[in-house]
Amino acid sequence: MSEPNPTVLFDDENPEWTEVDFAHALKGDAIPAAIRDAFGPGKRGRPVGTTKADAKKSVTLRLDPDVLEGWRATGPGWQARMNKALRAALEA
């Protein structure tokens, strides 16, 4: 079993909270509405209506290891080049 790290770093500007600090913390409805709204419940991700209708879709695709490594070896932007090659094959 490893020994706990005895090094404790203190931050005078942001000290560790004590039981008293937690007891005095604002809870639930006591938190101002502007702050609750900023962090409150909501969906994660982009706001509704901010994405294009024809935006690219994320998919899971199983490729042979040598094919994947071959595309990755072409450098940054390999996904866009793969998309272009797939589009060309579809149109052919």
Protein backbone atom coordinates (compact mmCIF):
# COMPACT_ATOMS: atom_id res chain seq x y z
CA MET A 1 0.00 0.00 0.00
CA SER A 2 1.43 3.38 -0.93
CA GLU A 3 1.89 6.16 1.59
CA PRO A 4 -0.28 9.28 1.17
CA ASN A 5 1.51 12.29 -0.23
CA PRO A 6 2.34 14.50 2.78
CA THR A 7 2.78 17.57 0.59
CA VAL A 8 -0.15 19.94 0.99
CA LEU A 9 -0.23 23.04 -1.14
CA PHE A 10 -1.99 26.02 0.39
CA ASP A 11 -3.55 28.80 -1.62
CA ASP A 12 -4.10 31.89 0.53
CA GLU A 13 -6.47 33.37 -2.07
CA ASN A 14 -8.58 30.21 -2.22
CA PRO A 15 -8.23 28.27 1.03
CA GLU A 16 -9.84 24.89 1.64
CA TRP A 17 -13.41 25.19 2.92
CA THR A 18 -14.16 24.38 6.54
CA GLU A 19 -17.43 23.05 8.02
CA VAL A 20 -18.32 26.66 8.92
CA ASP A 21 -17.82 27.75 5.29
CA PHE A 22 -20.11 24.98 4.06
CA ALA A 23 -22.72 25.90 6.69
CA HIS A 24 -22.76 29.52 5.49
CA ALA A 25 -22.83 28.68 1.78
CA LEU A 26 -25.89 29.66 -0.21
CA LYS A 27 -28.08 26.74 -1.15
CA GLY A 28 -30.86 26.21 -3.69
CA ASP A 29 -33.22 29.16 -3.98
CA ALA A 30 -30.89 31.39 -1.92
CA ILE A 31 -28.55 31.56 -4.90
CA PRO A 32 -29.33 34.64 -7.04
CA ALA A 33 -31.38 33.83 -10.15
CA ALA A 34 -28.74 35.22 -12.52
CA ILE A 35 -26.17 32.78 -11.18
CA ARG A 36 -28.62 29.85 -11.11
CA ASP A 37 -29.58 30.57 -14.72
CA ALA A 38 -25.95 30.67 -15.79
CA PHE A 39 -25.20 27.27 -14.28
CA GLY A 40 -28.68 25.83 -13.93
CA PRO A 41 -30.25 22.86 -15.59
CA GLY A 42 -30.09 22.80 -19.31
CA LYS A 43 -28.97 20.67 -22.13
CA ARG A 44 -25.29 20.36 -22.85
CA GLY A 45 -23.91 21.18 -26.25
CA ARG A 46 -24.76 23.83 -28.76
CA PRO A 47 -27.91 25.90 -28.32
CA VAL A 48 -30.90 24.75 -30.37
CA GLY A 49 -30.99 26.34 -33.80
CA THR A 50 -27.29 27.19 -34.00
CA THR A 51 -26.28 24.24 -36.14
CA LYS A 52 -26.76 24.02 -39.88
CA ALA A 53 -29.35 21.60 -41.21
CA ASP A 54 -26.70 20.00 -43.43
CA ALA A 55 -24.09 19.73 -40.65
CA LYS A 56 -21.84 16.68 -40.76
CA LYS A 57 -22.90 13.71 -38.67
CA SER A 58 -20.75 11.79 -36.24
CA VAL A 59 -20.68 8.05 -36.95
CA THR A 60 -18.89 4.95 -35.76
CA LEU A 61 -17.05 3.25 -38.59
CA ARG A 62 -14.95 0.09 -38.39
CA LEU A 63 -11.92 0.16 -40.68
CA ASP A 64 -9.03 -2.21 -41.21
CA PRO A 65 -6.03 -1.07 -39.14
CA ASP A 66 -3.83 -0.58 -42.20
CA VAL A 67 -6.48 1.57 -43.91
CA LEU A 68 -6.87 3.78 -40.85
CA GLU A 69 -3.12 4.14 -40.36
CA GLY A 70 -2.71 4.91 -44.05
CA TRP A 71 -5.18 7.80 -43.85
CA ARG A 72 -3.74 9.08 -40.57
CA ALA A 73 -0.25 8.98 -42.09
CA THR A 74 -1.34 11.57 -44.65
CA GLY A 75 -1.27 14.15 -41.85
CA PRO A 76 -3.70 16.67 -40.40
CA GLY A 77 -6.98 16.91 -42.27
CA TRP A 78 -7.09 13.21 -43.09
CA GLN A 79 -10.76 13.00 -42.10
CA ALA A 80 -11.72 15.70 -44.59
CA ARG A 81 -9.68 13.99 -47.31
CA MET A 82 -11.35 10.68 -46.50
CA ASN A 83 -14.76 12.39 -46.73
CA LYS A 84 -13.81 13.81 -50.14
CA ALA A 85 -12.65 10.38 -51.37
CA LEU A 86 -15.86 8.74 -50.16
CA ARG A 87 -17.93 11.43 -51.88
CA ALA A 88 -16.01 10.88 -55.14
CA ALA A 89 -16.58 7.11 -54.90
CA LEU A 90 -20.29 7.68 -54.29
CA GLU A 91 -20.59 9.96 -57.33
CA ALA A 92 -18.64 7.56 -59.58
